[in-house]
PDB file of N, CA and C in Angstrom:
ATOM      1  N   MET A   1      79.116  90.599 110.702  1.00  0.00           N
ATOM      2  CA  MET A   1      79.282  90.141 109.331  1.00  0.00           C
ATOM      3  C   MET A   1      80.744  90.366 108.880  1.00  0.00           C
ATOM      4  N   ILE A   2      81.265  89.438 108.146  1.00  0.00           N
ATOM      5  CA  ILE A   2      82.605  89.513 107.599  1.00  0.00           C
ATOM      6  C   ILE A   2      82.503  89.501 106.072  1.00  0.00           C
ATOM      7  N   GLN A   3      83.159  90.456 105.419  1.00  0.00           N
ATOM      8  CA  GLN A   3      83.231  90.486 103.975  1.00  0.00           C
ATOM      9  C   GLN A   3      84.668  90.274 103.534  1.00  0.00           C
ATOM     10  N   ARG A   4      84.868  89.459 102.473  1.00  0.00           N
ATOM     11  CA  ARG A   4      86.225  89.201 101.965  1.00  0.00           C
ATOM     12  C   ARG A   4      86.315  89.620 100.502  1.00  0.00           C
ATOM     13  N   PHE A   5      87.417  90.236 100.134  1.00  0.00           N
ATOM     14  CA  PHE A   5      87.624  90.700  98.762  1.00  0.00           C
ATOM     15  C   PHE A   5      88.844  90.046  98.164  1.00  0.00           C
ATOM     16  N   ASP A   6      88.821  89.766  96.856  1.00  0.00           N
ATOM     17  CA  ASP A   6      89.939  89.157  96.169  1.00  0.00           C
ATOM     18  C   ASP A   6      90.409  87.930  96.947  1.00  0.00           C
ATOM     19  N   THR A   7      89.488  86.991  97.194  1.00  0.00           N
ATOM     20  CA  THR A   7      89.738  85.817  97.976  1.00  0.00           C
ATOM     21  C   THR A   7      90.332  84.739  97.131  1.00  0.00           C
ATOM     22  N   GLY A   8      91.410  84.172  97.615  1.00  0.00           N
ATOM     23  CA  GLY A   8      92.060  83.036  96.960  1.00  0.00           C
ATOM     24  C   GLY A   8      92.148  81.861  97.870  1.00  0.00           C
ATOM     25  N   PRO A   9      92.853  80.818  97.516  1.00  0.00           N
ATOM     26  CA  PRO A   9      92.933  79.614  98.281  1.00  0.00           C
ATOM     27  C   PRO A   9      93.743  79.809  99.611  1.00  0.00           C
ATOM     28  N   ARG A  10      94.612  80.785  99.619  1.00  0.00           N
ATOM     29  CA  ARG A  10      95.477  81.001 100.797  1.00  0.00           C
ATOM     30  C   ARG A  10      95.099  82.197 101.628  1.00  0.00           C
ATOM     31  N   MET A  11      94.579  83.227 100.974  1.00  0.00           N
ATOM     32  CA  MET A  11      94.281  84.482 101.700  1.00  0.00           C
ATOM     33  C   MET A  11      93.317  85.321 100.892  1.00  0.00           C
ATOM     34  N   SER A  12      92.785  86.348 101.579  1.00  0.00           N
ATOM     35  CA  SER A  12      91.984  87.443 100.939  1.00  0.00           C
ATOM     36  C   SER A  12      92.836  88.652 100.905  1.00  0.00           C
ATOM     37  N   GLN A  13      92.722  89.464  99.899  1.00  0.00           N
ATOM     38  CA  GLN A  13      93.476  90.719  99.836  1.00  0.00           C
ATOM     39  C   GLN A  13      92.925  91.731 100.829  1.00  0.00           C
ATOM     40  N   ALA A  14      91.653  91.663 101.092  1.00  0.00           N
ATOM     41  CA  ALA A  14      91.006  92.597 102.043  1.00  0.00           C
ATOM     42  C   ALA A  14      89.956  91.877 102.771  1.00  0.00           C
ATOM     43  N   VAL A  15      89.726  92.198 104.068  1.00  0.00           N
ATOM     44  CA  VAL A  15      88.683  91.667 104.871  1.00  0.00           C
ATOM     45  C   VAL A  15      88.060  92.836 105.645  1.00  0.00           C
ATOM     46  N   ILE A  16      86.749  92.886 105.649  1.00  0.00           N
ATOM     47  CA  ILE A  16      86.037  93.885 106.409  1.00  0.00           C
ATOM     48  C   ILE A  16      85.292  93.199 107.570  1.00  0.00           C
ATOM     49  N   HIS A  17      85.470  93.692 108.754  1.00  0.00           N
ATOM     50  CA  HIS A  17      84.703  93.232 109.939  1.00  0.00           C
ATOM     51  C   HIS A  17      84.250  94.465 110.650  1.00  0.00           C
ATOM     52  N   GLY A  18      82.913  94.622 110.725  1.00  0.00           N
ATOM     53  CA  GLY A  18      82.377  95.828 111.329  1.00  0.00           C
ATOM     54  C   GLY A  18      82.806  97.027 110.504  1.00  0.00           C
ATOM     55  N   ASN A  19      83.425  97.970 111.156  1.00  0.00           N
ATOM     56  CA  ASN A  19      83.823  99.208 110.453  1.00  0.00           C
ATOM     57  C   ASN A  19      85.365  99.221 110.288  1.00  0.00           C
ATOM     58  N   THR A  20      85.980  98.051 110.314  1.00  0.00           N
ATOM     59  CA  THR A  20      87.443  97.946 110.176  1.00  0.00           C
ATOM     60  C   THR A  20      87.803  97.157 108.915  1.00  0.00           C
ATOM     61  N   VAL A  21      88.734  97.695 108.142  1.00  0.00           N
ATOM     62  CA  VAL A  21      89.231  97.015 106.932  1.00  0.00           C
ATOM     63  C   VAL A  21      90.693  96.577 107.185  1.00  0.00           C
ATOM     64  N   TYR A  22      90.923  95.297 106.929  1.00  0.00           N
ATOM     65  CA  TYR A  22      92.252  94.713 107.100  1.00  0.00           C
ATOM     66  C   TYR A  22      92.779  94.346 105.708  1.00  0.00           C
ATOM     67  N   LEU A  23      93.905  94.868 105.343  1.00  0.00           N
ATOM     68  CA  LEU A  23      94.528  94.488 104.063  1.00  0.00           C
ATOM     69  C   LEU A  23      95.621  93.477 104.303  1.00  0.00           C
ATOM     70  N   ALA A  24      95.743  92.543 103.378  1.00  0.00           N
ATOM     71  CA  ALA A  24      96.887  91.616 103.381  1.00  0.00           C
ATOM     72  C   ALA A  24      98.134  92.392 103.048  1.00  0.00           C
ATOM     73  N   GLY A  25      99.284  91.854 103.368  1.00  0.00           N
ATOM     74  CA  GLY A  25     100.506  92.530 102.951  1.00  0.00           C
ATOM     75  C   GLY A  25     100.563  92.591 101.432  1.00  0.00           C
ATOM     76  N   GLN A  26     100.847  93.752 100.919  1.00  0.00           N
ATOM     77  CA  GLN A  26     100.858  94.021  99.497  1.00  0.00           C
ATOM     78  C   GLN A  26     102.292  94.157  98.990  1.00  0.00           C
ATOM     79  N   VAL A  27     102.547  93.559  97.884  1.00  0.00           N
ATOM     80  CA  VAL A  27     103.896  93.660  97.201  1.00  0.00           C
ATOM     81  C   VAL A  27     103.697  94.177  95.804  1.00  0.00           C
ATOM     82  N   ALA A  28     104.789  94.582  95.174  1.00  0.00           N
ATOM     83  CA  ALA A  28     104.763  95.147  93.824  1.00  0.00           C
ATOM     84  C   ALA A  28     104.524  94.050  92.762  1.00  0.00           C
ATOM     85  N   ASP A  29     103.837  94.463  91.689  1.00  0.00           N
ATOM     86  CA  ASP A  29     103.702  93.548  90.538  1.00  0.00           C
ATOM     87  C   ASP A  29     104.955  93.579  89.683  1.00  0.00           C
ATOM     88  N   ASP A  30     105.550  94.759  89.539  1.00  0.00           N
ATOM     89  CA  ASP A  30     106.724  94.959  88.709  1.00  0.00           C
ATOM     90  C   ASP A  30     107.925  94.945  89.646  1.00  0.00           C
ATOM     91  N   THR A  31     108.541  93.813  89.839  1.00  0.00           N
ATOM     92  CA  THR A  31     109.610  93.671  90.779  1.00  0.00           C
ATOM     93  C   THR A  31     110.970  94.128  90.226  1.00  0.00           C
ATOM     94  N   ALA A  32     110.962  94.560  88.945  1.00  0.00           N
ATOM     95  CA  ALA A  32     112.217  95.112  88.363  1.00  0.00           C
ATOM     96  C   ALA A  32     112.419  96.553  88.896  1.00  0.00           C
ATOM     97  N   GLN A  33     111.384  97.169  89.454  1.00  0.00           N
ATOM     98  CA  GLN A  33     111.500  98.510  89.989  1.00  0.00           C
ATOM     99  C   GLN A  33     112.365  98.545  91.263  1.00  0.00           C
ATOM    100  N   ASP A  34     112.941  99.709  91.553  1.00  0.00           N
ATOM    101  CA  ASP A  34     113.681  99.903  92.783  1.00  0.00           C
ATOM    102  C   ASP A  34     112.698 100.077  93.950  1.00  0.00           C
ATOM    103  N   VAL A  35     113.182 100.334  95.125  1.00  0.00           N
ATOM    104  CA  VAL A  35     112.356 100.428  96.331  1.00  0.00           C
ATOM    105  C   VAL A  35     111.294 101.530  96.134  1.00  0.00           C
ATOM    106  N   SER A  36     111.690 102.666  95.631  1.00  0.00           N
ATOM    107  CA  SER A  36     110.733 103.750  95.439  1.00  0.00           C
ATOM    108  C   SER A  36     109.630 103.330  94.486  1.00  0.00           C
ATOM    109  N   GLY A  37     110.010 102.720  93.349  1.00  0.00           N
ATOM    110  CA  GLY A  37     109.025 102.244  92.378  1.00  0.00           C
ATOM    111  C   GLY A  37     108.104 101.184  92.934  1.00  0.00           C
ATOM    112  N   GLN A  38     108.649 100.243  93.664  1.00  0.00           N
ATOM    113  CA  GLN A  38     107.841  99.174  94.240  1.00  0.00           C
ATOM    114  C   GLN A  38     106.909  99.808  95.294  1.00  0.00           C
ATOM    115  N   THR A  39     107.385 100.726  96.078  1.00  0.00           N
ATOM    116  CA  THR A  39     106.557 101.370  97.115  1.00  0.00           C
ATOM    117  C   THR A  39     105.376 102.109  96.439  1.00  0.00           C
ATOM    118  N   ARG A  40     105.638 102.866  95.375  1.00  0.00           N
ATOM    119  CA  ARG A  40     104.577 103.595  94.704  1.00  0.00           C
ATOM    120  C   ARG A  40     103.492 102.591  94.152  1.00  0.00           C
ATOM    121  N   GLN A  41     103.988 101.463  93.579  1.00  0.00           N
ATOM    122  CA  GLN A  41     103.015 100.496  93.043  1.00  0.00           C
ATOM    123  C   GLN A  41     102.137  99.936  94.201  1.00  0.00           C
ATOM    124  N   ILE A  42     102.748  99.620  95.291  1.00  0.00           N
ATOM    125  CA  ILE A  42     102.022  99.034  96.415  1.00  0.00           C
ATOM    126  C   ILE A  42     101.009 100.063  96.928  1.00  0.00           C
ATOM    127  N   LEU A  43     101.407 101.319  97.063  1.00  0.00           N
ATOM    128  CA  LEU A  43     100.466 102.341  97.552  1.00  0.00           C
ATOM    129  C   LEU A  43      99.315 102.535  96.627  1.00  0.00           C
ATOM    130  N   ALA A  44      99.519 102.417  95.307  1.00  0.00           N
ATOM    131  CA  ALA A  44      98.427 102.453  94.347  1.00  0.00           C
ATOM    132  C   ALA A  44      97.465 101.298  94.533  1.00  0.00           C
ATOM    133  N   THR A  45      98.000 100.129  94.818  1.00  0.00           N
ATOM    134  CA  THR A  45      97.152  98.963  95.078  1.00  0.00           C
ATOM    135  C   THR A  45      96.386  99.174  96.381  1.00  0.00           C
ATOM    136  N   ILE A  46      97.018  99.689  97.393  1.00  0.00           N
ATOM    137  CA  ILE A  46      96.350  99.988  98.674  1.00  0.00           C
ATOM    138  C   ILE A  46      95.221 100.997  98.389  1.00  0.00           C
ATOM    139  N   ASP A  47      95.444 102.015  97.634  1.00  0.00           N
ATOM    140  CA  ASP A  47      94.349 102.977  97.269  1.00  0.00           C
ATOM    141  C   ASP A  47      93.196 102.257  96.647  1.00  0.00           C
ATOM    142  N   ARG A  48      93.486 101.381  95.691  1.00  0.00           N
ATOM    143  CA  ARG A  48      92.374 100.642  95.006  1.00  0.00           C
ATOM    144  C   ARG A  48      91.620  99.747  95.956  1.00  0.00           C
ATOM    145  N   LEU A  49      92.333  98.982  96.760  1.00  0.00           N
ATOM    146  CA  LEU A  49      91.675  98.050  97.695  1.00  0.00           C
ATOM    147  C   LEU A  49      90.814  98.797  98.717  1.00  0.00           C
ATOM    148  N   LEU A  50      91.379  99.888  99.283  1.00  0.00           N
ATOM    149  CA  LEU A  50      90.624 100.678 100.240  1.00  0.00           C
ATOM    150  C   LEU A  50      89.346 101.233  99.600  1.00  0.00           C
ATOM    151  N   SER A  51      89.438 101.736  98.344  1.00  0.00           N
ATOM    152  CA  SER A  51      88.311 102.245  97.660  1.00  0.00           C
ATOM    153  C   SER A  51      87.243 101.163  97.476  1.00  0.00           C
ATOM    154  N   GLU A  52      87.668  99.968  97.069  1.00  0.00           N
ATOM    155  CA  GLU A  52      86.694  98.869  96.932  1.00  0.00           C
ATOM    156  C   GLU A  52      86.034  98.520  98.224  1.00  0.00           C
ATOM    157  N   CYS A  53      86.680  98.804  99.335  1.00  0.00           N
ATOM    158  CA  CYS A  53      86.103  98.517 100.655  1.00  0.00           C
ATOM    159  C   CYS A  53      85.371  99.732 101.231  1.00  0.00           C
ATOM    160  N   GLY A  54      85.278 100.811 100.500  1.00  0.00           N
ATOM    161  CA  GLY A  54      84.495 101.945 100.947  1.00  0.00           C
ATOM    162  C   GLY A  54      85.203 102.894 101.903  1.00  0.00           C
ATOM    163  N   THR A  55      86.525 102.979 101.731  1.00  0.00           N
ATOM    164  CA  THR A  55      87.346 103.862 102.575  1.00  0.00           C
ATOM    165  C   THR A  55      88.494 104.415 101.744  1.00  0.00           C
ATOM    166  N   ASP A  56      89.387 105.115 102.411  1.00  0.00           N
ATOM    167  CA  ASP A  56      90.537 105.691 101.699  1.00  0.00           C
ATOM    168  C   ASP A  56      91.713 105.849 102.684  1.00  0.00           C
ATOM    169  N   LYS A  57      92.837 106.277 102.110  1.00  0.00           N
ATOM    170  CA  LYS A  57      94.090 106.410 102.895  1.00  0.00           C
ATOM    171  C   LYS A  57      93.991 107.353 104.071  1.00  0.00           C
ATOM    172  N   SER A  58      93.078 108.303 104.063  1.00  0.00           N
ATOM    173  CA  SER A  58      92.935 109.230 105.179  1.00  0.00           C
ATOM    174  C   SER A  58      92.394 108.526 106.443  1.00  0.00           C
ATOM    175  N   ARG A  59      91.871 107.284 106.263  1.00  0.00           N
ATOM    176  CA  ARG A  59      91.272 106.557 107.383  1.00  0.00           C
ATOM    177  C   ARG A  59      92.124 105.360 107.818  1.00  0.00           C
ATOM    178  N   ILE A  60      93.362 105.305 107.354  1.00  0.00           N
ATOM    179  CA  ILE A  60      94.249 104.267 107.785  1.00  0.00           C
ATOM    180  C   ILE A  60      94.613 104.448 109.262  1.00  0.00           C
ATOM    181  N   LEU A  61      94.405 103.392 110.009  1.00  0.00           N
ATOM    182  CA  LEU A  61      94.715 103.436 111.461  1.00  0.00           C
ATOM    183  C   LEU A  61      96.127 103.015 111.750  1.00  0.00           C
ATOM    184  N   ALA A  62      96.607 102.023 111.049  1.00  0.00           N
ATOM    185  CA  ALA A  62      97.954 101.453 111.346  1.00  0.00           C
ATOM    186  C   ALA A  62      98.519 100.906 110.060  1.00  0.00           C
ATOM    187  N   ALA A  63      99.862 100.973 109.983  1.00  0.00           N
ATOM    188  CA  ALA A  63     100.549 100.444 108.779  1.00  0.00           C
ATOM    189  C   ALA A  63     101.815  99.746 109.264  1.00  0.00           C
ATOM    190  N   THR A  64     102.090  98.593 108.689  1.00  0.00           N
ATOM    191  CA  THR A  64     103.362  97.907 108.963  1.00  0.00           C
ATOM    192  C   THR A  64     104.054  97.743 107.606  1.00  0.00           C
ATOM    193  N   LEU A  65     105.330  98.254 107.601  1.00  0.00           N
ATOM    194  CA  LEU A  65     106.092  98.252 106.347  1.00  0.00           C
ATOM    195  C   LEU A  65     107.273  97.333 106.565  1.00  0.00           C
ATOM    196  N   TYR A  66     107.474  96.427 105.666  1.00  0.00           N
ATOM    197  CA  TYR A  66     108.596  95.501 105.703  1.00  0.00           C
ATOM    198  C   TYR A  66     109.562  95.811 104.560  1.00  0.00           C
ATOM    199  N   LEU A  67     110.826  95.950 104.897  1.00  0.00           N
ATOM    200  CA  LEU A  67     111.894  96.252 103.893  1.00  0.00           C
ATOM    201  C   LEU A  67     112.860  95.085 103.876  1.00  0.00           C
ATOM    202  N   ALA A  68     113.191  94.638 102.656  1.00  0.00           N
ATOM    203  CA  ALA A  68     114.213  93.579 102.526  1.00  0.00           C
ATOM    204  C   ALA A  68     115.568  94.086 103.033  1.00  0.00           C
ATOM    205  N   ASP A  69     115.755  95.425 102.858  1.00  0.00           N
ATOM    206  CA  ASP A  69     117.042  95.983 103.246  1.00  0.00           C
ATOM    207  C   ASP A  69     116.755  97.358 103.943  1.00  0.00           C
ATOM    208  N   ILE A  70     116.986  97.463 105.222  1.00  0.00           N
ATOM    209  CA  ILE A  70     116.645  98.665 105.983  1.00  0.00           C
ATOM    210  C   ILE A  70     117.452  99.877 105.453  1.00  0.00           C
ATOM    211  N   ALA A  71     118.512  99.660 104.733  1.00  0.00           N
ATOM    212  CA  ALA A  71     119.264 100.788 104.142  1.00  0.00           C
ATOM    213  C   ALA A  71     118.425 101.575 103.121  1.00  0.00           C
ATOM    214  N   THR A  72     117.347 100.935 102.591  1.00  0.00           N
ATOM    215  CA  THR A  72     116.482 101.587 101.643  1.00  0.00           C
ATOM    216  C   THR A  72     115.341 102.367 102.292  1.00  0.00           C
ATOM    217  N   PHE A  73     115.402 102.509 103.631  1.00  0.00           N
ATOM    218  CA  PHE A  73     114.406 103.260 104.379  1.00  0.00           C
ATOM    219  C   PHE A  73     114.135 104.636 103.818  1.00  0.00           C
ATOM    220  N   PRO A  74     115.165 105.452 103.489  1.00  0.00           N
ATOM    221  CA  PRO A  74     114.927 106.792 102.970  1.00  0.00           C
ATOM    222  C   PRO A  74     114.176 106.802 101.673  1.00  0.00           C
ATOM    223  N   GLN A  75     114.509 105.844 100.760  1.00  0.00           N
ATOM    224  CA  GLN A  75     113.807 105.801  99.461  1.00  0.00           C
ATOM    225  C   GLN A  75     112.333 105.388  99.603  1.00  0.00           C
ATOM    226  N   MET A  76     112.067 104.414 100.506  1.00  0.00           N
ATOM    227  CA  MET A  76     110.697 104.045 100.751  1.00  0.00           C
ATOM    228  C   MET A  76     109.951 105.185 101.384  1.00  0.00           C
ATOM    229  N   ASN A  77     110.536 105.916 102.350  1.00  0.00           N
ATOM    230  CA  ASN A  77     109.917 106.992 103.034  1.00  0.00           C
ATOM    231  C   ASN A  77     109.569 108.139 102.056  1.00  0.00           C
ATOM    232  N   ALA A  78     110.442 108.366 101.047  1.00  0.00           N
ATOM    233  CA  ALA A  78     110.116 109.451 100.091  1.00  0.00           C
ATOM    234  C   ALA A  78     108.851 109.149  99.347  1.00  0.00           C
ATOM    235  N   ALA A  79     108.630 107.913  98.963  1.00  0.00           N
ATOM    236  CA  ALA A  79     107.349 107.558  98.273  1.00  0.00           C
ATOM    237  C   ALA A  79     106.208 107.610  99.231  1.00  0.00           C
ATOM    238  N   TRP A  80     106.426 107.068 100.446  1.00  0.00           N
ATOM    239  CA  TRP A  80     105.333 107.103 101.453  1.00  0.00           C
ATOM    240  C   TRP A  80     104.972 108.522 101.819  1.00  0.00           C
ATOM    241  N   ASP A  81     105.926 109.396 102.049  1.00  0.00           N
ATOM    242  CA  ASP A  81     105.654 110.751 102.479  1.00  0.00           C
ATOM    243  C   ASP A  81     104.895 111.528 101.380  1.00  0.00           C
ATOM    244  N   ALA A  82     105.138 111.236 100.120  1.00  0.00           N
ATOM    245  CA  ALA A  82     104.416 111.923  99.019  1.00  0.00           C
ATOM    246  C   ALA A  82     102.979 111.403  98.900  1.00  0.00           C
ATOM    247  N   TRP A  83     102.742 110.224  99.464  1.00  0.00           N
ATOM    248  CA  TRP A  83     101.404 109.592  99.306  1.00  0.00           C
ATOM    249  C   TRP A  83     100.513 109.777 100.548  1.00  0.00           C
ATOM    250  N   VAL A  84     101.056 109.666 101.700  1.00  0.00           N
ATOM    251  CA  VAL A  84     100.225 109.632 102.958  1.00  0.00           C
ATOM    252  C   VAL A  84      99.439 110.926 103.096  1.00  0.00           C
ATOM    253  N   ALA A  85      98.189 110.760 103.594  1.00  0.00           N
ATOM    254  CA  ALA A  85      97.252 111.926 103.706  1.00  0.00           C
ATOM    255  C   ALA A  85      97.804 112.812 104.817  1.00  0.00           C
ATOM    256  N   THR A  86      98.072 114.077 104.433  1.00  0.00           N
ATOM    257  CA  THR A  86      98.582 115.039 105.385  1.00  0.00           C
ATOM    258  C   THR A  86      97.593 115.209 106.516  1.00  0.00           C
ATOM    259  N   GLY A  87      98.058 115.195 107.756  1.00  0.00           N
ATOM    260  CA  GLY A  87      97.196 115.359 108.912  1.00  0.00           C
ATOM    261  C   GLY A  87      96.514 114.059 109.328  1.00  0.00           C
ATOM    262  N   HIS A  88      96.710 113.020 108.551  1.00  0.00           N
ATOM    263  CA  HIS A  88      96.033 111.724 108.800  1.00  0.00           C
ATOM    264  C   HIS A  88      97.054 110.600 108.828  1.00  0.00           C
ATOM    265  N   THR A  89      98.263 110.826 109.304  1.00  0.00           N
ATOM    266  CA  THR A  89      99.251 109.764 109.315  1.00  0.00           C
ATOM    267  C   THR A  89      98.900 108.699 110.337  1.00  0.00           C
ATOM    268  N   PRO A  90      99.005 107.466 109.950  1.00  0.00           N
ATOM    269  CA  PRO A  90      98.615 106.372 110.826  1.00  0.00           C
ATOM    270  C   PRO A  90      99.744 106.024 111.820  1.00  0.00           C
ATOM    271  N   ALA A  91      99.430 105.211 112.822  1.00  0.00           N
ATOM    272  CA  ALA A  91     100.473 104.582 113.581  1.00  0.00           C
ATOM    273  C   ALA A  91     101.228 103.667 112.633  1.00  0.00           C
ATOM    274  N   ARG A  92     102.542 103.591 112.775  1.00  0.00           N
ATOM    275  CA  ARG A  92     103.310 102.883 111.767  1.00  0.00           C
ATOM    276  C   ARG A  92     104.545 102.216 112.372  1.00  0.00           C
ATOM    277  N   ALA A  93     104.880 101.053 111.821  1.00  0.00           N
ATOM    278  CA  ALA A  93     106.086 100.396 112.188  1.00  0.00           C
ATOM    279  C   ALA A  93     106.804  99.976 110.851  1.00  0.00           C
ATOM    280  N   THR A  94     108.133 100.073 110.856  1.00  0.00           N
ATOM    281  CA  THR A  94     108.916  99.614 109.737  1.00  0.00           C
ATOM    282  C   THR A  94     109.987  98.657 110.223  1.00  0.00           C
ATOM    283  N   VAL A  95     110.100  97.515 109.596  1.00  0.00           N
ATOM    284  CA  VAL A  95     111.075  96.560 110.036  1.00  0.00           C
ATOM    285  C   VAL A  95     111.818  95.977 108.801  1.00  0.00           C
ATOM    286  N   GLU A  96     112.993  95.500 109.034  1.00  0.00           N
ATOM    287  CA  GLU A  96     113.752  94.792 107.956  1.00  0.00           C
ATOM    288  C   GLU A  96     113.333  93.339 108.140  1.00  0.00           C
ATOM    289  N   ALA A  97     113.031  92.689 106.993  1.00  0.00           N
ATOM    290  CA  ALA A  97     112.602  91.311 107.034  1.00  0.00           C
ATOM    291  C   ALA A  97     112.902  90.603 105.706  1.00  0.00           C
ATOM    292  N   LYS A  98     113.147  89.342 105.798  1.00  0.00           N
ATOM    293  CA  LYS A  98     113.286  88.559 104.579  1.00  0.00           C
ATOM    294  C   LYS A  98     111.919  88.314 104.028  1.00  0.00           C
ATOM    295  N   LEU A  99     111.661  88.811 102.813  1.00  0.00           N
ATOM    296  CA  LEU A  99     110.298  88.732 102.228  1.00  0.00           C
ATOM    297  C   LEU A  99     110.137  87.439 101.477  1.00  0.00           C
ATOM    298  N   ALA A 100     108.919  87.211 101.000  1.00  0.00           N
ATOM    299  CA  ALA A 100     108.510  85.926 100.416  1.00  0.00           C
ATOM    300  C   ALA A 100     109.344  85.505  99.209  1.00  0.00           C
ATOM    301  N   ALA A 101     109.853  86.523  98.442  1.00  0.00           N
ATOM    302  CA  ALA A 101     110.673  86.238  97.262  1.00  0.00           C
ATOM    303  C   ALA A 101     111.813  87.288  97.242  1.00  0.00           C
ATOM    304  N   PRO A 102     112.972  86.913  96.759  1.00  0.00           N
ATOM    305  CA  PRO A 102     114.099  87.847  96.799  1.00  0.00           C
ATOM    306  C   PRO A 102     113.901  89.087  95.992  1.00  0.00           C
ATOM    307  N   GLU A 103     113.007  89.041  94.949  1.00  0.00           N
ATOM    308  CA  GLU A 103     112.796  90.227  94.122  1.00  0.00           C
ATOM    309  C   GLU A 103     111.900  91.302  94.818  1.00  0.00           C
ATOM    310  N   TYR A 104     111.186  90.912  95.853  1.00  0.00           N
ATOM    311  CA  TYR A 104     110.378  91.873  96.600  1.00  0.00           C
ATOM    312  C   TYR A 104     111.322  92.702  97.479  1.00  0.00           C
ATOM    313  N   LYS A 105     111.163  93.989  97.404  1.00  0.00           N
ATOM    314  CA  LYS A 105     111.949  94.911  98.218  1.00  0.00           C
ATOM    315  C   LYS A 105     111.140  95.544  99.343  1.00  0.00           C
ATOM    316  N   VAL A 106     109.825  95.559  99.176  1.00  0.00           N
ATOM    317  CA  VAL A 106     108.929  96.198 100.127  1.00  0.00           C
ATOM    318  C   VAL A 106     107.634  95.389 100.210  1.00  0.00           C
ATOM    319  N   GLU A 107     107.073  95.301 101.396  1.00  0.00           N
ATOM    320  CA  GLU A 107     105.701  94.783 101.594  1.00  0.00           C
ATOM    321  C   GLU A 107     105.030  95.710 102.613  1.00  0.00           C
ATOM    322  N   ILE A 108     103.782  96.049 102.377  1.00  0.00           N
ATOM    323  CA  ILE A 108     103.026  96.963 103.219  1.00  0.00           C
ATOM    324  C   ILE A 108     101.702  96.352 103.571  1.00  0.00           C
ATOM    325  N   GLN A 109     101.361  96.401 104.836  1.00  0.00           N
ATOM    326  CA  GLN A 109     100.078  95.940 105.317  1.00  0.00           C
ATOM    327  C   GLN A 109      99.387  97.071 106.098  1.00  0.00           C
ATOM    328  N   VAL A 110      98.126  97.293 105.844  1.00  0.00           N
ATOM    329  CA  VAL A 110      97.425  98.388 106.588  1.00  0.00           C
ATOM    330  C   VAL A 110      96.080  97.877 107.138  1.00  0.00           C
ATOM    331  N   ILE A 111      95.648  98.627 108.142  1.00  0.00           N
ATOM    332  CA  ILE A 111      94.322  98.507 108.760  1.00  0.00           C
ATOM    333  C   ILE A 111      93.718  99.865 108.730  1.00  0.00           C
ATOM    334  N   ALA A 112      92.446  99.912 108.260  1.00  0.00           N
ATOM    335  CA  ALA A 112      91.764 101.221 108.105  1.00  0.00           C
ATOM    336  C   ALA A 112      90.334 101.134 108.644  1.00  0.00           C
ATOM    337  N   ALA A 113      89.853 102.305 109.056  1.00  0.00           N
ATOM    338  CA  ALA A 113      88.468 102.462 109.426  1.00  0.00           C
ATOM    339  C   ALA A 113      87.619 102.637 108.187  1.00  0.00           C
ATOM    340  N   ARG A 114      86.356 102.260 108.249  1.00  0.00           N
ATOM    341  CA  ARG A 114      85.439 102.507 107.118  1.00  0.00           C
ATOM    342  C   ARG A 114      84.580 103.736 107.439  1.00  0.00           C
TER     343      ARG A 114
END
């Protein structure tokens, strides 16, 4: 069985298949924020979506983080490190990428167990 959450015409924000939760890449709502602010917003959204799917950040298996400017890696990491569940850090990749809109500084996608 497949469950979809916050489904729109182009994508779903979350999809559950079996005991695995796949989140779409998340971006900040308030793009006036700096990288740290956008990262904190995104992580709050991830918390909400994971909760709706019956899981939490301690069960994240993998995370892919996209930065518009890799020079902001330390600022993003400061927000990430304050949020990630101690002892439950996921496999992770961080890459510099041109994001969907120039005001986006960070996009984060995660896969979690339920």
